Amino acid sequence: MNVNIEFTGVSRVLTGQPGCSLTLNPGDTIREVIIALGKQYPALIGDIITKDGKNLVATNVFSLNGKKILHESDLQFQPADGDKLILLSLLAGG
């Protein structure tokens, strides 16, 4: 099964890519997506993905098909074939 990842903001700068497609096994979760992204794009480790490679840094989230934000509590969510995960960096300043 394939999911499409869209990089925005910081993740696009770090990867130099607008996105990628990942092949997952049935039953794989968002955690497996994060692990796969860290292996494919090591530049994401530290700024986007935690140093252990298993979670997103707190200021980063996935949007599922542009309709739902997946939070840290959604790491066991299983994306479906053809889903689009948009990697967003939530930055604010004042």
N, C-alpha and C. Protein backbone atom coordinates (compact mmCIF):
# COMPACT_ATOMS: atom_id res chain seq x y z
N MET A 1 0.85 -1.17 0.00
CA MET A 1 0.00 0.00 0.00
C MET A 1 0.89 1.23 0.00
N ASN A 2 0.42 2.29 -0.65
CA ASN A 2 1.21 3.52 -0.76
C ASN A 2 0.49 4.69 -0.11
N VAL A 3 1.27 5.52 0.57
CA VAL A 3 0.78 6.80 1.06
C VAL A 3 1.68 7.89 0.49
N ASN A 4 1.09 9.03 0.25
CA ASN A 4 1.83 10.16 -0.30
C ASN A 4 2.08 11.17 0.80
N ILE A 5 3.31 11.63 0.88
CA ILE A 5 3.71 12.61 1.88
C ILE A 5 3.97 13.93 1.16
N GLU A 6 3.40 15.01 1.67
CA GLU A 6 3.69 16.34 1.14
C GLU A 6 4.49 17.09 2.19
N PHE A 7 5.66 17.58 1.79
CA PHE A 7 6.49 18.38 2.68
C PHE A 7 6.13 19.85 2.52
N THR A 8 6.02 20.56 3.63
CA THR A 8 5.78 22.00 3.61
C THR A 8 6.79 22.68 4.52
N GLY A 9 7.00 23.95 4.31
CA GLY A 9 7.83 24.75 5.21
C GLY A 9 9.20 24.15 5.48
N VAL A 10 9.49 23.97 6.75
CA VAL A 10 10.81 23.50 7.19
C VAL A 10 11.14 22.13 6.60
N SER A 11 10.17 21.21 6.58
CA SER A 11 10.46 19.87 6.06
C SER A 11 10.80 19.92 4.57
N ARG A 12 10.18 20.82 3.83
CA ARG A 12 10.50 20.95 2.40
C ARG A 12 11.92 21.51 2.23
N VAL A 13 12.28 22.47 3.05
CA VAL A 13 13.63 23.04 2.99
C VAL A 13 14.67 21.96 3.33
N LEU A 14 14.43 21.20 4.39
CA LEU A 14 15.40 20.20 4.84
C LEU A 14 15.56 19.04 3.85
N THR A 15 14.46 18.63 3.22
CA THR A 15 14.53 17.51 2.27
C THR A 15 14.89 17.95 0.87
N GLY A 16 14.60 19.21 0.54
CA GLY A 16 14.79 19.68 -0.82
C GLY A 16 13.79 19.08 -1.80
N GLN A 17 12.71 18.53 -1.26
CA GLN A 17 11.69 17.85 -2.07
C GLN A 17 10.30 18.37 -1.72
N PRO A 18 9.38 18.36 -2.70
CA PRO A 18 8.00 18.72 -2.38
C PRO A 18 7.24 17.60 -1.69
N GLY A 19 7.76 16.38 -1.78
CA GLY A 19 7.09 15.25 -1.15
C GLY A 19 7.67 13.93 -1.61
N CYS A 20 7.01 12.85 -1.21
CA CYS A 20 7.46 11.52 -1.59
C CYS A 20 6.30 10.54 -1.44
N SER A 21 6.50 9.35 -1.92
CA SER A 21 5.54 8.27 -1.75
C SER A 21 6.22 7.18 -0.93
N LEU A 22 5.52 6.65 0.05
CA LEU A 22 6.05 5.57 0.87
C LEU A 22 5.22 4.31 0.66
N THR A 23 5.89 3.19 0.55
CA THR A 23 5.21 1.91 0.48
C THR A 23 5.18 1.33 1.89
N LEU A 24 3.97 1.06 2.37
CA LEU A 24 3.78 0.53 3.72
C LEU A 24 3.21 -0.86 3.67
N ASN A 25 3.38 -1.58 4.74
CA ASN A 25 2.74 -2.89 4.89
C ASN A 25 1.35 -2.70 5.49
N PRO A 26 0.41 -3.58 5.17
CA PRO A 26 -0.90 -3.48 5.81
C PRO A 26 -0.74 -3.49 7.33
N GLY A 27 -1.45 -2.61 7.99
CA GLY A 27 -1.37 -2.53 9.45
C GLY A 27 -0.34 -1.55 9.96
N ASP A 28 0.54 -1.03 9.06
CA ASP A 28 1.51 -0.04 9.50
C ASP A 28 0.79 1.22 9.98
N THR A 29 1.41 1.89 10.92
CA THR A 29 0.81 3.05 11.57
C THR A 29 1.60 4.32 11.24
N ILE A 30 1.11 5.43 11.76
CA ILE A 30 1.81 6.70 11.60
C ILE A 30 3.22 6.61 12.16
N ARG A 31 3.41 5.85 13.21
CA ARG A 31 4.77 5.69 13.75
C ARG A 31 5.70 5.08 12.70
N GLU A 32 5.23 4.08 11.96
CA GLU A 32 6.07 3.49 10.90
C GLU A 32 6.35 4.50 9.79
N VAL A 33 5.38 5.38 9.52
CA VAL A 33 5.60 6.44 8.54
C VAL A 33 6.74 7.34 9.01
N ILE A 34 6.70 7.74 10.28
CA ILE A 34 7.74 8.61 10.83
C ILE A 34 9.10 7.93 10.77
N ILE A 35 9.17 6.68 11.15
CA ILE A 35 10.43 5.93 11.12
C ILE A 35 10.97 5.87 9.69
N ALA A 36 10.09 5.57 8.73
CA ALA A 36 10.51 5.48 7.32
C ALA A 36 11.01 6.83 6.81
N LEU A 37 10.32 7.90 7.17
CA LEU A 37 10.76 9.23 6.74
C LEU A 37 12.13 9.58 7.31
N GLY A 38 12.36 9.24 8.58
CA GLY A 38 13.65 9.51 9.19
C GLY A 38 14.79 8.76 8.52
N LYS A 39 14.51 7.54 8.08
CA LYS A 39 15.53 6.75 7.38
C LYS A 39 15.79 7.29 5.98
N GLN A 40 14.72 7.68 5.29
CA GLN A 40 14.85 8.16 3.92
C GLN A 40 15.40 9.59 3.87
N TYR A 41 15.07 10.38 4.88
CA TYR A 41 15.49 11.78 4.92
C TYR A 41 16.11 12.09 6.28
N PRO A 42 17.36 11.70 6.50
CA PRO A 42 17.99 11.90 7.81
C PRO A 42 18.07 13.37 8.23
N ALA A 43 17.98 14.30 7.29
CA ALA A 43 18.02 15.72 7.64
C ALA A 43 16.81 16.13 8.48
N LEU A 44 15.75 15.32 8.48
CA LEU A 44 14.56 15.62 9.28
C LEU A 44 14.76 15.33 10.77
N ILE A 45 15.75 14.48 11.08
CA ILE A 45 16.00 14.10 12.47
C ILE A 45 16.51 15.32 13.24
N GLY A 46 15.86 15.61 14.35
CA GLY A 46 16.27 16.72 15.21
C GLY A 46 15.33 17.91 15.11
N ASP A 47 14.99 18.33 13.89
CA ASP A 47 14.11 19.48 13.72
C ASP A 47 12.65 19.07 13.53
N ILE A 48 12.41 18.00 12.80
CA ILE A 48 11.05 17.55 12.48
C ILE A 48 10.73 16.25 13.22
N ILE A 49 11.67 15.34 13.21
CA ILE A 49 11.52 14.02 13.84
C ILE A 49 12.45 13.97 15.05
N THR A 50 11.97 13.41 16.14
CA THR A 50 12.79 13.32 17.36
C THR A 50 14.06 12.52 17.09
N LYS A 51 15.06 12.74 17.92
CA LYS A 51 16.37 12.11 17.72
C LYS A 51 16.32 10.59 17.73
N ASP A 52 15.33 10.00 18.43
CA ASP A 52 15.21 8.54 18.43
C ASP A 52 14.52 8.03 17.16
N GLY A 53 14.02 8.96 16.32
CA GLY A 53 13.44 8.60 15.04
C GLY A 53 12.04 8.03 15.09
N LYS A 54 11.36 8.12 16.25
CA LYS A 54 10.07 7.45 16.41
C LYS A 54 8.87 8.38 16.54
N ASN A 55 9.10 9.67 16.70
CA ASN A 55 8.00 10.62 16.91
C ASN A 55 8.30 11.91 16.16
N LEU A 56 7.27 12.71 15.97
CA LEU A 56 7.48 14.05 15.46
C LEU A 56 7.82 14.97 16.62
N VAL A 57 8.71 15.94 16.38
CA VAL A 57 8.96 16.99 17.35
C VAL A 57 7.62 17.70 17.59
N ALA A 58 7.38 18.14 18.81
CA ALA A 58 6.06 18.63 19.24
C ALA A 58 5.44 19.69 18.34
N THR A 59 6.23 20.48 17.64
CA THR A 59 5.67 21.55 16.80
C THR A 59 5.32 21.08 15.39
N ASN A 60 5.33 19.76 15.16
CA ASN A 60 5.04 19.21 13.84
C ASN A 60 3.89 18.22 13.92
N VAL A 61 3.05 18.23 12.90
CA VAL A 61 1.90 17.33 12.83
C VAL A 61 1.68 16.90 11.39
N PHE A 62 0.90 15.85 11.22
CA PHE A 62 0.43 15.46 9.90
C PHE A 62 -1.02 15.90 9.74
N SER A 63 -1.35 16.34 8.55
CA SER A 63 -2.75 16.54 8.17
C SER A 63 -3.11 15.36 7.28
N LEU A 64 -4.20 14.68 7.60
CA LEU A 64 -4.65 13.53 6.83
C LEU A 64 -5.60 14.00 5.74
N ASN A 65 -5.13 13.90 4.50
CA ASN A 65 -5.93 14.28 3.33
C ASN A 65 -6.47 15.71 3.42
N GLY A 66 -5.77 16.57 4.16
CA GLY A 66 -6.18 17.97 4.28
C GLY A 66 -7.46 18.18 5.08
N LYS A 67 -7.91 17.14 5.80
CA LYS A 67 -9.19 17.23 6.50
C LYS A 67 -9.09 17.05 8.01
N LYS A 68 -8.04 16.41 8.48
CA LYS A 68 -7.93 16.11 9.91
C LYS A 68 -6.47 16.24 10.33
N ILE A 69 -6.24 16.82 11.49
CA ILE A 69 -4.89 16.90 12.04
C ILE A 69 -4.66 15.67 12.91
N LEU A 70 -3.54 14.99 12.68
CA LEU A 70 -3.17 13.84 13.50
C LEU A 70 -2.20 14.32 14.57
N HIS A 71 -2.52 14.06 15.82
CA HIS A 71 -1.71 14.48 16.95
C HIS A 71 -0.87 13.31 17.47
N GLU A 72 -0.05 13.58 18.47
CA GLU A 72 0.79 12.53 19.05
C GLU A 72 -0.05 11.35 19.53
N SER A 73 -1.27 11.61 19.95
CA SER A 73 -2.14 10.52 20.41
C SER A 73 -2.64 9.65 19.25
N ASP A 74 -2.37 10.05 18.02
CA ASP A 74 -2.81 9.30 16.84
C ASP A 74 -1.70 8.46 16.21
N LEU A 75 -0.62 8.21 16.94
CA LEU A 75 0.51 7.46 16.36
C LEU A 75 0.14 6.04 15.95
N GLN A 76 -0.92 5.49 16.52
CA GLN A 76 -1.34 4.13 16.15
C GLN A 76 -2.36 4.12 15.01
N PHE A 77 -2.69 5.30 14.48
CA PHE A 77 -3.61 5.39 13.35
C PHE A 77 -2.99 4.69 12.14
N GLN A 78 -3.79 3.91 11.43
CA GLN A 78 -3.33 3.19 10.24
C GLN A 78 -3.82 3.90 8.98
N PRO A 79 -2.91 4.54 8.24
CA PRO A 79 -3.35 5.19 7.01
C PRO A 79 -3.81 4.16 5.98
N ALA A 80 -4.68 4.60 5.09
CA ALA A 80 -5.20 3.73 4.04
C ALA A 80 -4.41 3.96 2.75
N ASP A 81 -4.49 2.99 1.86
CA ASP A 81 -3.84 3.10 0.56
C ASP A 81 -4.31 4.38 -0.13
N GLY A 82 -3.36 5.18 -0.61
CA GLY A 82 -3.68 6.41 -1.32
C GLY A 82 -3.86 7.63 -0.45
N ASP A 83 -3.80 7.48 0.88
CA ASP A 83 -3.91 8.64 1.76
C ASP A 83 -2.78 9.62 1.50
N LYS A 84 -3.08 10.90 1.71
CA LYS A 84 -2.07 11.95 1.63
C LYS A 84 -1.83 12.49 3.02
N LEU A 85 -0.58 12.48 3.44
CA LEU A 85 -0.18 13.02 4.73
C LEU A 85 0.64 14.27 4.48
N ILE A 86 0.14 15.40 4.93
CA ILE A 86 0.83 16.67 4.76
C ILE A 86 1.58 16.97 6.05
N LEU A 87 2.90 17.09 5.96
CA LEU A 87 3.73 17.34 7.13
C LEU A 87 3.81 18.85 7.38
N LEU A 88 3.21 19.28 8.48
CA LEU A 88 3.12 20.70 8.81
C LEU A 88 3.97 21.03 10.03
N SER A 89 4.65 22.17 9.96
CA SER A 89 5.37 22.71 11.11
C SER A 89 4.55 23.87 11.64
N LEU A 90 4.11 23.75 12.89
CA LEU A 90 3.26 24.77 13.50
C LEU A 90 4.14 25.74 14.28
N LEU A 91 4.49 26.83 13.65
CA LEU A 91 5.36 27.81 14.27
C LEU A 91 4.58 29.09 14.52
N ALA A 92 4.88 29.74 15.61
CA ALA A 92 4.21 31.00 15.94
C ALA A 92 5.24 31.95 16.53
N GLY A 93 4.98 33.18 16.37
CA GLY A 93 5.88 34.17 16.93
C GLY A 93 5.10 35.39 17.40
N GLY A 94 5.78 36.29 18.02
CA GLY A 94 5.04 37.43 18.51
C GLY A 94 5.82 38.68 18.53
